[in-house]
Amino acid sequence: MKSILLTKTFGVLALGILGLGATGAQAAWGHDSRHHQQVYQQSWAYGQQVNARQDRQAQRIRAGKRAGQLTRFEFRELMQQQRNIRAMEQHFRADGRIDAREFKRLDRALDVAHRRIRTEKHDRAARQAYGQMQRFN
């Protein structure tokens, strides 16, 4: 009598465990949480790289203005280009992430901005500061 009761009890427990396992597998069916976590981490890394580059570029622009290497017009144009890149990044983040293709577009835009900053800072178009004579190109 005890052996039949024990066999039935273990059988019911085994079925219960299998049922819970199947339910858990079904709940995760089609959803790979590790994949989503990797996508989120990659998107976060892309965002960090873009933000770091933009911060460095903005610092270079401000330093060029302070040093007299950029005219007021050049400064405004370069800062507008940075705002446009920031708007592009926000547009890409609207779905909650930045994928590899979007990152490449942002990276290319930052490359163009980098070259433009370098060109404008070294084109010898100097602003006239108060009390200084006009520099000639």
N, C-alpha and C. Protein backbone atom coordinates (compact mmCIF):
# COMPACT_ATOMS: atom_id res chain seq x y z
N MET A 1 0.82 -1.19 0.00
CA MET A 1 0.00 0.00 0.00
C MET A 1 0.87 1.26 0.00
N LYS A 2 1.92 1.27 0.86
CA LYS A 2 2.80 2.43 0.91
C LYS A 2 3.55 2.61 -0.40
N SER A 3 3.95 1.50 -1.02
CA SER A 3 4.71 1.62 -2.27
C SER A 3 3.84 2.19 -3.39
N ILE A 4 2.57 1.85 -3.44
CA ILE A 4 1.67 2.39 -4.47
C ILE A 4 1.46 3.87 -4.22
N LEU A 5 1.28 4.24 -2.96
CA LEU A 5 1.09 5.65 -2.61
C LEU A 5 2.34 6.46 -2.95
N LEU A 6 3.51 5.93 -2.64
CA LEU A 6 4.76 6.61 -2.95
C LEU A 6 4.95 6.74 -4.46
N THR A 7 4.64 5.70 -5.20
CA THR A 7 4.78 5.72 -6.66
C THR A 7 3.86 6.77 -7.27
N LYS A 8 2.62 6.82 -6.80
CA LYS A 8 1.68 7.81 -7.33
C LYS A 8 2.13 9.22 -6.97
N THR A 9 2.65 9.42 -5.75
CA THR A 9 3.09 10.74 -5.31
C THR A 9 4.27 11.21 -6.16
N PHE A 10 5.26 10.33 -6.34
CA PHE A 10 6.40 10.69 -7.17
C PHE A 10 5.99 10.92 -8.63
N GLY A 11 5.05 10.16 -9.11
CA GLY A 11 4.55 10.34 -10.48
C GLY A 11 3.90 11.70 -10.66
N VAL A 12 3.06 12.09 -9.69
CA VAL A 12 2.40 13.39 -9.75
C VAL A 12 3.43 14.51 -9.65
N LEU A 13 4.41 14.38 -8.78
CA LEU A 13 5.47 15.39 -8.67
C LEU A 13 6.26 15.50 -9.98
N ALA A 14 6.59 14.36 -10.56
CA ALA A 14 7.35 14.37 -11.81
C ALA A 14 6.54 15.06 -12.91
N LEU A 15 5.25 14.78 -13.01
CA LEU A 15 4.41 15.44 -14.02
C LEU A 15 4.31 16.94 -13.76
N GLY A 16 4.22 17.30 -12.49
CA GLY A 16 4.16 18.72 -12.14
C GLY A 16 5.42 19.46 -12.54
N ILE A 17 6.55 18.83 -12.28
CA ILE A 17 7.84 19.45 -12.63
C ILE A 17 7.96 19.57 -14.15
N LEU A 18 7.59 18.51 -14.86
CA LEU A 18 7.63 18.57 -16.32
C LEU A 18 6.69 19.64 -16.87
N GLY A 19 5.54 19.78 -16.25
CA GLY A 19 4.57 20.80 -16.68
C GLY A 19 5.11 22.20 -16.47
N LEU A 20 5.76 22.43 -15.31
CA LEU A 20 6.35 23.75 -15.06
C LEU A 20 7.49 24.03 -16.03
N GLY A 21 8.28 23.00 -16.31
CA GLY A 21 9.38 23.17 -17.26
C GLY A 21 8.86 23.51 -18.64
N ALA A 22 7.82 22.84 -19.07
CA ALA A 22 7.24 23.11 -20.39
C ALA A 22 6.64 24.50 -20.45
N THR A 23 5.99 24.91 -19.37
CA THR A 23 5.40 26.25 -19.32
C THR A 23 6.49 27.31 -19.41
N GLY A 24 7.59 27.10 -18.68
CA GLY A 24 8.70 28.04 -18.74
C GLY A 24 9.33 28.10 -20.11
N ALA A 25 9.47 26.95 -20.76
CA ALA A 25 10.04 26.92 -22.10
C ALA A 25 9.11 27.62 -23.09
N GLN A 26 7.81 27.41 -22.93
CA GLN A 26 6.85 28.03 -23.83
C GLN A 26 6.83 29.54 -23.64
N ALA A 27 6.98 30.00 -22.40
CA ALA A 27 6.97 31.43 -22.14
C ALA A 27 8.16 32.11 -22.80
N ALA A 28 9.29 31.41 -22.87
CA ALA A 28 10.49 31.98 -23.47
C ALA A 28 10.60 31.67 -24.95
N TRP A 29 9.63 30.97 -25.51
CA TRP A 29 9.69 30.57 -26.91
C TRP A 29 9.61 31.81 -27.79
N GLY A 30 10.60 32.00 -28.64
CA GLY A 30 10.62 33.15 -29.53
C GLY A 30 11.24 34.39 -28.90
N HIS A 31 11.57 34.33 -27.65
CA HIS A 31 12.16 35.49 -26.97
C HIS A 31 13.48 35.06 -26.35
N ASP A 32 14.56 35.51 -26.92
CA ASP A 32 15.88 35.19 -26.38
C ASP A 32 16.33 36.40 -25.58
N SER A 33 16.24 36.31 -24.29
CA SER A 33 16.55 37.46 -23.44
C SER A 33 18.02 37.84 -23.54
N ARG A 34 18.90 36.88 -23.76
CA ARG A 34 20.32 37.22 -23.90
C ARG A 34 20.54 38.05 -25.16
N HIS A 35 19.82 37.72 -26.22
CA HIS A 35 19.95 38.49 -27.45
C HIS A 35 19.51 39.94 -27.24
N HIS A 36 18.38 40.11 -26.56
CA HIS A 36 17.88 41.47 -26.30
C HIS A 36 18.86 42.24 -25.42
N GLN A 37 19.46 41.56 -24.47
CA GLN A 37 20.42 42.22 -23.60
C GLN A 37 21.66 42.64 -24.40
N GLN A 38 22.11 41.78 -25.31
CA GLN A 38 23.27 42.13 -26.14
C GLN A 38 22.95 43.30 -27.06
N VAL A 39 21.76 43.31 -27.62
CA VAL A 39 21.35 44.41 -28.50
C VAL A 39 21.31 45.71 -27.70
N TYR A 40 20.77 45.66 -26.49
CA TYR A 40 20.71 46.85 -25.64
C TYR A 40 22.12 47.33 -25.30
N GLN A 41 23.01 46.40 -24.93
CA GLN A 41 24.38 46.78 -24.58
C GLN A 41 25.10 47.38 -25.77
N GLN A 42 24.91 46.80 -26.95
CA GLN A 42 25.55 47.32 -28.15
C GLN A 42 25.02 48.72 -28.47
N SER A 43 23.72 48.90 -28.35
CA SER A 43 23.12 50.20 -28.60
C SER A 43 23.65 51.24 -27.61
N TRP A 44 23.78 50.83 -26.36
CA TRP A 44 24.30 51.73 -25.32
C TRP A 44 25.74 52.11 -25.66
N ALA A 45 26.55 51.13 -26.10
CA ALA A 45 27.94 51.40 -26.45
C ALA A 45 28.02 52.36 -27.64
N TYR A 46 27.16 52.14 -28.65
CA TYR A 46 27.13 53.06 -29.79
C TYR A 46 26.81 54.48 -29.32
N GLY A 47 25.82 54.59 -28.47
CA GLY A 47 25.43 55.91 -27.97
C GLY A 47 26.55 56.59 -27.20
N GLN A 48 27.28 55.82 -26.40
CA GLN A 48 28.39 56.38 -25.64
C GLN A 48 29.49 56.88 -26.57
N GLN A 49 29.79 56.12 -27.62
CA GLN A 49 30.82 56.54 -28.57
C GLN A 49 30.42 57.82 -29.30
N VAL A 50 29.19 57.88 -29.73
CA VAL A 50 28.71 59.06 -30.45
C VAL A 50 28.73 60.28 -29.53
N ASN A 51 28.25 60.13 -28.31
CA ASN A 51 28.22 61.26 -27.37
C ASN A 51 29.62 61.73 -27.02
N ALA A 52 30.55 60.80 -26.84
CA ALA A 52 31.93 61.18 -26.51
C ALA A 52 32.56 61.96 -27.66
N ARG A 53 32.33 61.50 -28.88
CA ARG A 53 32.89 62.23 -30.03
C ARG A 53 32.27 63.61 -30.16
N GLN A 54 30.97 63.70 -29.95
CA GLN A 54 30.33 65.02 -30.06
C GLN A 54 30.83 65.96 -28.98
N ASP A 55 31.03 65.46 -27.79
CA ASP A 55 31.55 66.31 -26.71
C ASP A 55 32.95 66.82 -27.06
N ARG A 56 33.81 65.94 -27.58
CA ARG A 56 35.17 66.36 -27.96
C ARG A 56 35.12 67.39 -29.08
N GLN A 57 34.23 67.18 -30.05
CA GLN A 57 34.14 68.13 -31.16
C GLN A 57 33.64 69.49 -30.68
N ALA A 58 32.65 69.49 -29.79
CA ALA A 58 32.15 70.76 -29.27
C ALA A 58 33.24 71.49 -28.48
N GLN A 59 34.05 70.75 -27.75
CA GLN A 59 35.16 71.37 -27.03
C GLN A 59 36.17 71.99 -28.00
N ARG A 60 36.45 71.28 -29.09
CA ARG A 60 37.38 71.80 -30.09
C ARG A 60 36.83 73.07 -30.73
N ILE A 61 35.53 73.09 -30.98
CA ILE A 61 34.91 74.28 -31.59
C ILE A 61 35.01 75.46 -30.63
N ARG A 62 34.66 75.25 -29.37
CA ARG A 62 34.74 76.34 -28.39
C ARG A 62 36.17 76.82 -28.19
N ALA A 63 37.11 75.89 -28.17
CA ALA A 63 38.52 76.27 -28.02
C ALA A 63 38.98 77.08 -29.23
N GLY A 64 38.53 76.72 -30.42
CA GLY A 64 38.88 77.47 -31.61
C GLY A 64 38.32 78.88 -31.58
N LYS A 65 37.13 79.04 -31.04
CA LYS A 65 36.54 80.37 -30.94
C LYS A 65 37.32 81.22 -29.93
N ARG A 66 37.64 80.60 -28.78
CA ARG A 66 38.40 81.35 -27.76
C ARG A 66 39.79 81.74 -28.27
N ALA A 67 40.41 80.87 -29.06
CA ALA A 67 41.76 81.14 -29.55
C ALA A 67 41.76 82.08 -30.75
N GLY A 68 40.59 82.42 -31.27
CA GLY A 68 40.52 83.32 -32.41
C GLY A 68 40.70 82.61 -33.74
N GLN A 69 40.66 81.29 -33.75
CA GLN A 69 40.82 80.54 -35.00
C GLN A 69 39.52 80.45 -35.79
N LEU A 70 38.40 80.72 -35.14
CA LEU A 70 37.09 80.64 -35.79
C LEU A 70 36.41 82.00 -35.74
N THR A 71 35.78 82.37 -36.84
CA THR A 71 34.96 83.57 -36.83
C THR A 71 33.63 83.24 -36.17
N ARG A 72 32.86 84.26 -35.89
CA ARG A 72 31.55 84.04 -35.28
C ARG A 72 30.65 83.21 -36.19
N PHE A 73 30.70 83.51 -37.50
CA PHE A 73 29.90 82.76 -38.47
C PHE A 73 30.32 81.29 -38.52
N GLU A 74 31.64 81.04 -38.54
CA GLU A 74 32.13 79.66 -38.57
C GLU A 74 31.71 78.91 -37.31
N PHE A 75 31.80 79.58 -36.17
CA PHE A 75 31.40 78.97 -34.90
C PHE A 75 29.92 78.58 -34.95
N ARG A 76 29.07 79.49 -35.40
CA ARG A 76 27.63 79.19 -35.48
C ARG A 76 27.34 78.03 -36.42
N GLU A 77 28.01 78.02 -37.57
CA GLU A 77 27.79 76.95 -38.54
C GLU A 77 28.23 75.59 -37.99
N LEU A 78 29.37 75.56 -37.33
CA LEU A 78 29.86 74.30 -36.77
C LEU A 78 28.96 73.80 -35.64
N MET A 79 28.49 74.71 -34.81
CA MET A 79 27.59 74.30 -33.72
C MET A 79 26.24 73.84 -34.27
N GLN A 80 25.79 74.45 -35.36
CA GLN A 80 24.55 74.00 -36.01
C GLN A 80 24.73 72.59 -36.56
N GLN A 81 25.89 72.31 -37.10
CA GLN A 81 26.16 70.96 -37.60
C GLN A 81 26.12 69.95 -36.44
N GLN A 82 26.63 70.34 -35.28
CA GLN A 82 26.58 69.45 -34.11
C GLN A 82 25.14 69.23 -33.66
N ARG A 83 24.31 70.28 -33.70
CA ARG A 83 22.90 70.13 -33.34
C ARG A 83 22.17 69.20 -34.32
N ASN A 84 22.52 69.29 -35.59
CA ASN A 84 21.91 68.41 -36.59
C ASN A 84 22.28 66.95 -36.34
N ILE A 85 23.51 66.71 -35.96
CA ILE A 85 23.94 65.34 -35.65
C ILE A 85 23.21 64.84 -34.41
N ARG A 86 23.04 65.71 -33.42
CA ARG A 86 22.32 65.33 -32.19
C ARG A 86 20.86 64.99 -32.53
N ALA A 87 20.25 65.77 -33.42
CA ALA A 87 18.87 65.50 -33.83
C ALA A 87 18.78 64.17 -34.58
N MET A 88 19.77 63.88 -35.40
CA MET A 88 19.79 62.60 -36.11
C MET A 88 19.89 61.45 -35.11
N GLU A 89 20.72 61.61 -34.09
CA GLU A 89 20.86 60.58 -33.06
C GLU A 89 19.54 60.38 -32.32
N GLN A 90 18.87 61.45 -31.97
CA GLN A 90 17.58 61.34 -31.27
C GLN A 90 16.54 60.67 -32.16
N HIS A 91 16.57 60.95 -33.44
CA HIS A 91 15.65 60.30 -34.37
C HIS A 91 15.90 58.80 -34.42
N PHE A 92 17.17 58.42 -34.44
CA PHE A 92 17.51 57.00 -34.47
C PHE A 92 17.15 56.31 -33.16
N ARG A 93 17.21 57.04 -32.05
CA ARG A 93 16.88 56.46 -30.75
C ARG A 93 15.37 56.38 -30.50
N ALA A 94 14.57 56.88 -31.40
CA ALA A 94 13.12 56.92 -31.19
C ALA A 94 12.54 55.53 -30.98
N ASP A 95 13.16 54.51 -31.58
CA ASP A 95 12.67 53.15 -31.38
C ASP A 95 13.31 52.47 -30.18
N GLY A 96 14.13 53.19 -29.44
CA GLY A 96 14.71 52.66 -28.21
C GLY A 96 16.12 52.15 -28.35
N ARG A 97 16.67 52.16 -29.56
CA ARG A 97 18.03 51.65 -29.74
C ARG A 97 18.66 52.24 -30.99
N ILE A 98 19.98 52.10 -31.08
CA ILE A 98 20.72 52.49 -32.27
C ILE A 98 21.32 51.20 -32.83
N ASP A 99 20.96 50.85 -34.05
CA ASP A 99 21.52 49.63 -34.64
C ASP A 99 22.81 49.96 -35.39
N ALA A 100 23.45 48.95 -35.94
CA ALA A 100 24.75 49.13 -36.57
C ALA A 100 24.68 50.06 -37.77
N ARG A 101 23.63 49.96 -38.57
CA ARG A 101 23.51 50.82 -39.75
C ARG A 101 23.34 52.28 -39.34
N GLU A 102 22.54 52.53 -38.31
CA GLU A 102 22.35 53.90 -37.83
C GLU A 102 23.66 54.44 -37.24
N PHE A 103 24.38 53.57 -36.54
CA PHE A 103 25.66 54.00 -35.98
C PHE A 103 26.64 54.39 -37.08
N LYS A 104 26.66 53.64 -38.17
CA LYS A 104 27.56 53.98 -39.27
C LYS A 104 27.21 55.34 -39.87
N ARG A 105 25.92 55.62 -39.98
CA ARG A 105 25.50 56.94 -40.51
C ARG A 105 25.94 58.06 -39.57
N LEU A 106 25.75 57.84 -38.27
CA LEU A 106 26.20 58.84 -37.30
C LEU A 106 27.71 59.00 -37.33
N ASP A 107 28.42 57.90 -37.46
CA ASP A 107 29.88 57.94 -37.49
C ASP A 107 30.37 58.71 -38.71
N ARG A 108 29.73 58.49 -39.85
CA ARG A 108 30.09 59.24 -41.06
C ARG A 108 29.81 60.73 -40.90
N ALA A 109 28.68 61.06 -40.29
CA ALA A 109 28.35 62.47 -40.06
C ALA A 109 29.38 63.12 -39.12
N LEU A 110 29.81 62.37 -38.12
CA LEU A 110 30.83 62.89 -37.21
C LEU A 110 32.18 63.03 -37.90
N ASP A 111 32.48 62.13 -38.84
CA ASP A 111 33.72 62.25 -39.61
C ASP A 111 33.71 63.52 -40.46
N VAL A 112 32.58 63.79 -41.09
CA VAL A 112 32.44 65.01 -41.90
C VAL A 112 32.59 66.24 -41.01
N ALA A 113 31.96 66.22 -39.85
CA ALA A 113 32.07 67.34 -38.92
C ALA A 113 33.51 67.54 -38.46
N HIS A 114 34.19 66.44 -38.20
CA HIS A 114 35.59 66.51 -37.77
C HIS A 114 36.45 67.22 -38.83
N ARG A 115 36.28 66.79 -40.09
CA ARG A 115 37.06 67.41 -41.17
C ARG A 115 36.72 68.89 -41.33
N ARG A 116 35.45 69.21 -41.16
CA ARG A 116 35.04 70.62 -41.32
C ARG A 116 35.60 71.48 -40.19
N ILE A 117 35.60 70.95 -38.96
CA ILE A 117 36.18 71.69 -37.84
C ILE A 117 37.66 71.96 -38.10
N ARG A 118 38.36 70.92 -38.55
CA ARG A 118 39.79 71.06 -38.82
C ARG A 118 40.04 72.10 -39.92
N THR A 119 39.24 72.03 -40.97
CA THR A 119 39.40 72.97 -42.08
C THR A 119 39.14 74.40 -41.62
N GLU A 120 38.06 74.61 -40.89
CA GLU A 120 37.70 75.97 -40.46
C GLU A 120 38.71 76.53 -39.46
N LYS A 121 39.24 75.67 -38.59
CA LYS A 121 40.21 76.16 -37.61
C LYS A 121 41.54 76.54 -38.24
N HIS A 122 41.86 75.94 -39.39
CA HIS A 122 43.16 76.18 -40.00
C HIS A 122 43.09 76.95 -41.30
N ASP A 123 41.95 77.61 -41.58
CA ASP A 123 41.83 78.34 -42.84
C ASP A 123 42.32 79.77 -42.74
N ARG A 124 42.83 80.15 -41.61
CA ARG A 124 43.43 81.46 -41.37
C ARG A 124 42.44 82.61 -41.48
N ALA A 125 41.15 82.31 -41.41
CA ALA A 125 40.15 83.37 -41.34
C ALA A 125 40.00 83.69 -39.86
N ALA A 126 40.58 84.79 -39.44
CA ALA A 126 40.62 85.11 -38.02
C ALA A 126 39.59 86.16 -37.69
N ARG A 127 39.05 86.07 -36.51
CA ARG A 127 38.12 87.11 -36.08
C ARG A 127 38.93 88.28 -35.54
N GLN A 128 38.32 89.43 -35.56
CA GLN A 128 39.00 90.61 -35.06
C GLN A 128 38.56 90.83 -33.62
N ALA A 129 39.47 90.67 -32.70
CA ALA A 129 39.17 90.89 -31.29
C ALA A 129 39.28 92.37 -30.99
N TYR A 130 38.62 92.78 -29.93
CA TYR A 130 38.60 94.17 -29.53
C TYR A 130 40.02 94.62 -29.17
N GLY A 131 40.44 95.70 -29.78
CA GLY A 131 41.75 96.25 -29.46
C GLY A 131 42.88 95.64 -30.26
N GLN A 132 42.60 94.73 -31.19
CA GLN A 132 43.66 94.12 -31.98
C GLN A 132 43.51 94.58 -33.43
N MET A 133 44.63 94.57 -34.10
CA MET A 133 44.61 94.94 -35.51
C MET A 133 44.09 93.78 -36.33
N GLN A 134 43.56 94.11 -37.50
CA GLN A 134 43.05 93.09 -38.41
C GLN A 134 44.22 92.24 -38.91
N ARG A 135 44.05 90.91 -38.84
CA ARG A 135 45.08 90.02 -39.38
C ARG A 135 44.77 89.81 -40.87
N PHE A 136 45.84 89.70 -41.63
CA PHE A 136 45.66 89.48 -43.05
C PHE A 136 45.91 88.01 -43.36
N ASN A 137 45.16 87.48 -44.31
CA ASN A 137 45.29 86.06 -44.67
C ASN A 137 46.47 85.83 -45.55
